[in-house]
Amino acid sequence: MSSDLARLLIKHGVVKFGDFTLSSGAKSKYYIDMRIAISIPEVYKPIVEELARRIGGDVDLIAGIESGSIPWASMLAYRLGKGTLYVRRTEKSHGTGRRIEGYYKGGEGVLLIDDVVTTGGTLLDSARVLEGNGLRVVEVAVIVDRLEGGLEAVRKAGYKAWSILTINDLFNAMGINNA
């Protein structure tokens, strides 16, 4: 499955080479643009199915992080018949001023999803926000792990965390030696 999915992502130009600044502030010679994949049913359907297949915990809600993982959380929640939330990176300066958008009562089990993980900082911040609002982060799912310590940091913080693909899967699909 992962090699087929990696080839699909490569076919549709998800991996780009050049000089990029990541959300962590780090510089990179490649960028994984999962925003392309949300527009292509041939790509997003198997990703959503794989996410749905791998969920193992007591999940009531699917939470995405502003903005890249919101479509993934929405598609997965729809597929599973679950509610969806999203976590803002900062408090909104107008309206309710909340960092979590969506309906929840408190106590629900949440699958937190992100499209790509590098350092894990955004995932850990989002998990703390969810838990600080009375929710339980049951699992953390990532579509692509850049293998730069992010998932390890999330696991070290005590969360069950997994990815569908790694950067090595994508590079292998391109015939490039591992990152």
C-alpha atoms as a PDB file:
ATOM      1  CA  MET A   1       0.000   0.000   0.000  1.00  0.00           C
ATOM      2  CA  SER A   2       2.633   2.550   1.009  1.00  0.00           C
ATOM      3  CA  SER A   3       4.663   2.124  -2.186  1.00  0.00           C
ATOM      4  CA  ASP A   4       1.531   2.529  -4.354  1.00  0.00           C
ATOM      5  CA  LEU A   5       0.505   5.603  -2.419  1.00  0.00           C
ATOM      6  CA  ALA A   6       4.020   7.041  -2.583  1.00  0.00           C
ATOM      7  CA  ARG A   7       4.030   6.601  -6.377  1.00  0.00           C
ATOM      8  CA  LEU A   8       0.674   8.395  -6.615  1.00  0.00           C
ATOM      9  CA  LEU A   9       1.990  11.337  -4.601  1.00  0.00           C
ATOM     10  CA  ILE A  10       5.098  11.529  -6.777  1.00  0.00           C
ATOM     11  CA  LYS A  11       3.044  11.255  -9.974  1.00  0.00           C
ATOM     12  CA  HIS A  12       1.002  14.279  -8.921  1.00  0.00           C
ATOM     13  CA  GLY A  13       3.968  16.461  -7.904  1.00  0.00           C
ATOM     14  CA  VAL A  14       3.508  16.497  -4.157  1.00  0.00           C
ATOM     15  CA  VAL A  15       7.287  16.518  -3.523  1.00  0.00           C
ATOM     16  CA  LYS A  16       8.990  19.695  -4.702  1.00  0.00           C
ATOM     17  CA  PHE A  17      12.692  20.531  -4.721  1.00  0.00           C
ATOM     18  CA  GLY A  18      14.217  23.962  -4.132  1.00  0.00           C
ATOM     19  CA  ASP A  19      14.801  26.236  -1.147  1.00  0.00           C
ATOM     20  CA  PHE A  20      11.929  26.197   1.341  1.00  0.00           C
ATOM     21  CA  THR A  21      11.249  27.446   4.848  1.00  0.00           C
ATOM     22  CA  LEU A  22       9.118  25.008   6.847  1.00  0.00           C
ATOM     23  CA  SER A  23       6.515  25.972   9.457  1.00  0.00           C
ATOM     24  CA  SER A  24       9.105  25.108  12.119  1.00  0.00           C
ATOM     25  CA  GLY A  25      11.365  27.802  10.634  1.00  0.00           C
ATOM     26  CA  ALA A  26      13.867  25.200   9.431  1.00  0.00           C
ATOM     27  CA  LYS A  27      15.257  25.393   5.898  1.00  0.00           C
ATOM     28  CA  SER A  28      14.803  22.445   3.550  1.00  0.00           C
ATOM     29  CA  LYS A  29      15.789  21.443   0.026  1.00  0.00           C
ATOM     30  CA  TYR A  30      12.444  19.691  -0.435  1.00  0.00           C
ATOM     31  CA  TYR A  31       8.815  20.398   0.388  1.00  0.00           C
ATOM     32  CA  ILE A  32       5.901  17.985   0.718  1.00  0.00           C
ATOM     33  CA  ASP A  33       2.842  19.841  -0.580  1.00  0.00           C
ATOM     34  CA  MET A  34      -0.099  17.757   0.610  1.00  0.00           C
ATOM     35  CA  ARG A  35      -2.451  20.579  -0.396  1.00  0.00           C
ATOM     36  CA  ILE A  36      -2.174  19.224  -3.930  1.00  0.00           C
ATOM     37  CA  ALA A  37      -3.394  15.796  -2.825  1.00  0.00           C
ATOM     38  CA  ILE A  38      -6.695  17.121  -1.406  1.00  0.00           C
ATOM     39  CA  SER A  39      -7.731  18.094  -4.950  1.00  0.00           C
ATOM     40  CA  ILE A  40      -7.185  14.685  -6.534  1.00  0.00           C
ATOM     41  CA  PRO A  41      -9.644  11.893  -5.644  1.00  0.00           C
ATOM     42  CA  GLU A  42      -7.231   9.244  -6.985  1.00  0.00           C
ATOM     43  CA  VAL A  43      -4.821  10.386  -4.245  1.00  0.00           C
ATOM     44  CA  TYR A  44      -7.008  11.452  -1.333  1.00  0.00           C
ATOM     45  CA  LYS A  45      -9.321   8.432  -1.345  1.00  0.00           C
ATOM     46  CA  PRO A  46      -6.606   5.842  -0.572  1.00  0.00           C
ATOM     47  CA  ILE A  47      -5.083   8.166   2.037  1.00  0.00           C
ATOM     48  CA  VAL A  48      -8.421   8.536   3.834  1.00  0.00           C
ATOM     49  CA  GLU A  49      -9.055   4.782   3.616  1.00  0.00           C
ATOM     50  CA  GLU A  50      -5.615   4.019   5.068  1.00  0.00           C
ATOM     51  CA  LEU A  51      -6.153   6.491   7.897  1.00  0.00           C
ATOM     52  CA  ALA A  52      -9.555   4.932   8.627  1.00  0.00           C
ATOM     53  CA  ARG A  53      -8.057   1.430   8.590  1.00  0.00           C
ATOM     54  CA  ARG A  54      -5.291   2.285  11.059  1.00  0.00           C
ATOM     55  CA  ILE A  55      -7.269   4.028  13.773  1.00  0.00           C
ATOM     56  CA  GLY A  56      -7.143   1.846  16.845  1.00  0.00           C
ATOM     57  CA  GLY A  57      -8.363   3.870  19.787  1.00  0.00           C
ATOM     58  CA  ASP A  58     -11.647   5.023  21.225  1.00  0.00           C
ATOM     59  CA  VAL A  59     -12.075   7.951  18.820  1.00  0.00           C
ATOM     60  CA  ASP A  60     -15.151  10.179  18.947  1.00  0.00           C
ATOM     61  CA  LEU A  61     -13.813  13.207  17.072  1.00  0.00           C
ATOM     62  CA  ILE A  62     -11.220  13.907  14.383  1.00  0.00           C
ATOM     63  CA  ALA A  63      -9.180  17.087  14.862  1.00  0.00           C
ATOM     64  CA  GLY A  64      -7.081  18.823  12.246  1.00  0.00           C
ATOM     65  CA  ILE A  65      -4.608  21.647  12.624  1.00  0.00           C
ATOM     66  CA  GLU A  66      -5.064  24.985  10.871  1.00  0.00           C
ATOM     67  CA  SER A  67      -4.822  24.931   7.905  1.00  0.00           C
ATOM     68  CA  GLY A  68      -3.163  22.030   6.074  1.00  0.00           C
ATOM     69  CA  SER A  69      -4.783  19.185   7.932  1.00  0.00           C
ATOM     70  CA  ILE A  70      -8.323  20.561   8.166  1.00  0.00           C
ATOM     71  CA  PRO A  71      -9.409  18.949   4.856  1.00  0.00           C
ATOM     72  CA  TRP A  72      -7.907  15.618   5.935  1.00  0.00           C
ATOM     73  CA  ALA A  73      -9.685  15.729   9.284  1.00  0.00           C
ATOM     74  CA  SER A  74     -12.956  16.605   7.542  1.00  0.00           C
ATOM     75  CA  MET A  75     -12.678  13.832   4.950  1.00  0.00           C
ATOM     76  CA  LEU A  76     -11.748  11.238   7.564  1.00  0.00           C
ATOM     77  CA  ALA A  77     -14.507  12.345   9.933  1.00  0.00           C
ATOM     78  CA  TYR A  78     -17.046  12.093   7.114  1.00  0.00           C
ATOM     79  CA  ARG A  79     -15.738   8.636   6.155  1.00  0.00           C
ATOM     80  CA  LEU A  80     -16.070   7.438   9.774  1.00  0.00           C
ATOM     81  CA  GLY A  81     -19.274   9.269  10.639  1.00  0.00           C
ATOM     82  CA  LYS A  82     -17.491  11.244  13.368  1.00  0.00           C
ATOM     83  CA  GLY A  83     -17.475  14.912  14.306  1.00  0.00           C
ATOM     84  CA  THR A  84     -14.607  17.124  13.298  1.00  0.00           C
ATOM     85  CA  LEU A  85     -12.728  19.910  15.050  1.00  0.00           C
ATOM     86  CA  TYR A  86      -9.855  22.092  14.109  1.00  0.00           C
ATOM     87  CA  VAL A  87      -7.192  23.695  16.220  1.00  0.00           C
ATOM     88  CA  ARG A  88      -6.051  27.206  15.404  1.00  0.00           C
ATOM     89  CA  ARG A  89      -2.354  27.998  15.706  1.00  0.00           C
ATOM     90  CA  THR A  90      -3.199  31.103  17.760  1.00  0.00           C
ATOM     91  CA  GLU A  91      -6.268  32.496  19.470  1.00  0.00           C
ATOM     92  CA  LYS A  92      -8.651  34.260  17.157  1.00  0.00           C
ATOM     93  CA  SER A  93      -8.705  38.033  17.757  1.00  0.00           C
ATOM     94  CA  HIS A  94     -12.406  38.336  16.930  1.00  0.00           C
ATOM     95  CA  GLY A  95     -15.621  36.369  17.392  1.00  0.00           C
ATOM     96  CA  THR A  96     -15.335  33.771  20.138  1.00  0.00           C
ATOM     97  CA  GLY A  97     -11.531  33.999  20.334  1.00  0.00           C
ATOM     98  CA  ARG A  98     -11.274  30.218  20.574  1.00  0.00           C
ATOM     99  CA  ARG A  99      -8.404  28.024  19.457  1.00  0.00           C
ATOM    100  CA  ILE A 100     -10.663  25.002  18.928  1.00  0.00           C
ATOM    101  CA  GLU A 101     -13.449  25.268  16.393  1.00  0.00           C
ATOM    102  CA  GLY A 102     -16.288  22.766  16.253  1.00  0.00           C
ATOM    103  CA  TYR A 103     -18.714  21.145  18.678  1.00  0.00           C
ATOM    104  CA  TYR A 104     -17.562  19.067  21.628  1.00  0.00           C
ATOM    105  CA  LYS A 105     -18.835  18.430  25.154  1.00  0.00           C
ATOM    106  CA  GLY A 106     -15.574  17.458  26.845  1.00  0.00           C
ATOM    107  CA  GLY A 107     -14.229  14.006  27.595  1.00  0.00           C
ATOM    108  CA  GLU A 108     -14.388  12.813  23.976  1.00  0.00           C
ATOM    109  CA  GLY A 109     -11.535  10.790  22.524  1.00  0.00           C
ATOM    110  CA  VAL A 110      -9.779  12.639  19.693  1.00  0.00           C
ATOM    111  CA  LEU A 111      -7.632  11.533  16.787  1.00  0.00           C
ATOM    112  CA  LEU A 112      -5.362  14.473  16.013  1.00  0.00           C
ATOM    113  CA  ILE A 113      -4.192  14.497  12.416  1.00  0.00           C
ATOM    114  CA  ASP A 114      -1.541  16.436  10.514  1.00  0.00           C
ATOM    115  CA  ASP A 115      -0.483  16.168   6.912  1.00  0.00           C
ATOM    116  CA  VAL A 116       3.300  16.362   7.422  1.00  0.00           C
ATOM    117  CA  VAL A 117       5.412  16.246  10.588  1.00  0.00           C
ATOM    118  CA  THR A 118       8.913  17.659  10.995  1.00  0.00           C
ATOM    119  CA  THR A 119       9.680  18.588  14.631  1.00  0.00           C
ATOM    120  CA  GLY A 120       6.324  17.671  16.182  1.00  0.00           C
ATOM    121  CA  GLY A 121       5.989  21.080  17.843  1.00  0.00           C
ATOM    122  CA  THR A 122       2.691  21.973  16.185  1.00  0.00           C
ATOM    123  CA  LEU A 123       1.222  18.558  16.997  1.00  0.00           C
ATOM    124  CA  LEU A 124       2.278  18.795  20.638  1.00  0.00           C
ATOM    125  CA  ASP A 125       0.913  22.328  20.969  1.00  0.00           C
ATOM    126  CA  SER A 126      -2.395  21.249  19.407  1.00  0.00           C
ATOM    127  CA  ALA A 127      -2.627  18.181  21.661  1.00  0.00           C
ATOM    128  CA  ARG A 128      -2.109  20.390  24.726  1.00  0.00           C
ATOM    129  CA  VAL A 129      -4.818  22.790  23.535  1.00  0.00           C
ATOM    130  CA  LEU A 130      -7.263  19.913  23.012  1.00  0.00           C
ATOM    131  CA  GLU A 131      -6.490  18.409  26.419  1.00  0.00           C
ATOM    132  CA  GLY A 132      -6.624  21.821  28.076  1.00  0.00           C
ATOM    133  CA  ASN A 133     -10.212  22.049  26.844  1.00  0.00           C
ATOM    134  CA  GLY A 134     -11.260  18.734  28.381  1.00  0.00           C
ATOM    135  CA  LEU A 135     -10.682  16.424  25.406  1.00  0.00           C
ATOM    136  CA  ARG A 136      -8.605  13.227  25.355  1.00  0.00           C
ATOM    137  CA  VAL A 137      -6.022  12.859  22.579  1.00  0.00           C
ATOM    138  CA  VAL A 138      -6.214   9.121  21.922  1.00  0.00           C
ATOM    139  CA  GLU A 139      -3.997   8.974  18.833  1.00  0.00           C
ATOM    140  CA  VAL A 140      -1.915  11.198  16.591  1.00  0.00           C
ATOM    141  CA  ALA A 141      -1.851  10.366  12.886  1.00  0.00           C
ATOM    142  CA  VAL A 142       0.379  11.865  10.222  1.00  0.00           C
ATOM    143  CA  ILE A 143       0.279  11.285   6.494  1.00  0.00           C
ATOM    144  CA  VAL A 144       4.006  11.890   5.858  1.00  0.00           C
ATOM    145  CA  ASP A 145       6.799  11.803   8.441  1.00  0.00           C
ATOM    146  CA  ARG A 146       9.884  13.776   7.331  1.00  0.00           C
ATOM    147  CA  LEU A 147      11.931  11.598   9.762  1.00  0.00           C
ATOM    148  CA  GLU A 148      13.333  14.617  11.580  1.00  0.00           C
ATOM    149  CA  GLY A 149      12.291  13.547  15.072  1.00  0.00           C
ATOM    150  CA  GLY A 150       8.716  14.828  15.107  1.00  0.00           C
ATOM    151  CA  LEU A 151       6.881  11.557  15.661  1.00  0.00           C
ATOM    152  CA  GLU A 152       9.461  10.501  18.238  1.00  0.00           C
ATOM    153  CA  ALA A 153       8.848  13.758  20.157  1.00  0.00           C
ATOM    154  CA  VAL A 154       5.094  13.137  20.082  1.00  0.00           C
ATOM    155  CA  ARG A 155       5.571   9.556  21.320  1.00  0.00           C
ATOM    156  CA  LYS A 156       8.010  10.698  24.003  1.00  0.00           C
ATOM    157  CA  ALA A 157       5.283  13.069  25.255  1.00  0.00           C
ATOM    158  CA  GLY A 158       3.113   9.968  25.818  1.00  0.00           C
ATOM    159  CA  TYR A 159       0.924   9.855  22.717  1.00  0.00           C
ATOM    160  CA  LYS A 160       0.287   6.922  20.426  1.00  0.00           C
ATOM    161  CA  ALA A 161       1.549   8.297  17.092  1.00  0.00           C
ATOM    162  CA  TRP A 162       1.959   6.838  13.611  1.00  0.00           C
ATOM    163  CA  SER A 163       2.357   7.818   9.985  1.00  0.00           C
ATOM    164  CA  ILE A 164       1.187   6.334   6.710  1.00  0.00           C
ATOM    165  CA  LEU A 165       4.362   7.262   4.814  1.00  0.00           C
ATOM    166  CA  THR A 166       7.853   8.544   5.473  1.00  0.00           C
ATOM    167  CA  ILE A 167      10.037  10.732   3.325  1.00  0.00           C
ATOM    168  CA  ASN A 168      12.061   7.614   2.545  1.00  0.00           C
ATOM    169  CA  ASP A 169       8.969   5.999   1.001  1.00  0.00           C
ATOM    170  CA  LEU A 170       8.566   9.039  -1.256  1.00  0.00           C
ATOM    171  CA  PHE A 171      12.254   9.214  -2.163  1.00  0.00           C
ATOM    172  CA  ASN A 172      12.309   5.471  -2.888  1.00  0.00           C
ATOM    173  CA  ALA A 173       9.319   5.918  -5.230  1.00  0.00           C
ATOM    174  CA  MET A 174      11.418   8.523  -7.088  1.00  0.00           C
ATOM    175  CA  GLY A 175      14.468   6.265  -7.221  1.00  0.00           C
ATOM    176  CA  ILE A 176      16.408   8.502  -4.815  1.00  0.00           C
ATOM    177  CA  ASN A 177      18.449   7.076  -1.953  1.00  0.00           C
ATOM    178  CA  ASN A 178      16.870   7.584   1.463  1.00  0.00           C
ATOM    179  CA  ALA A 179      16.849  11.049   3.055  1.00  0.00           C
END
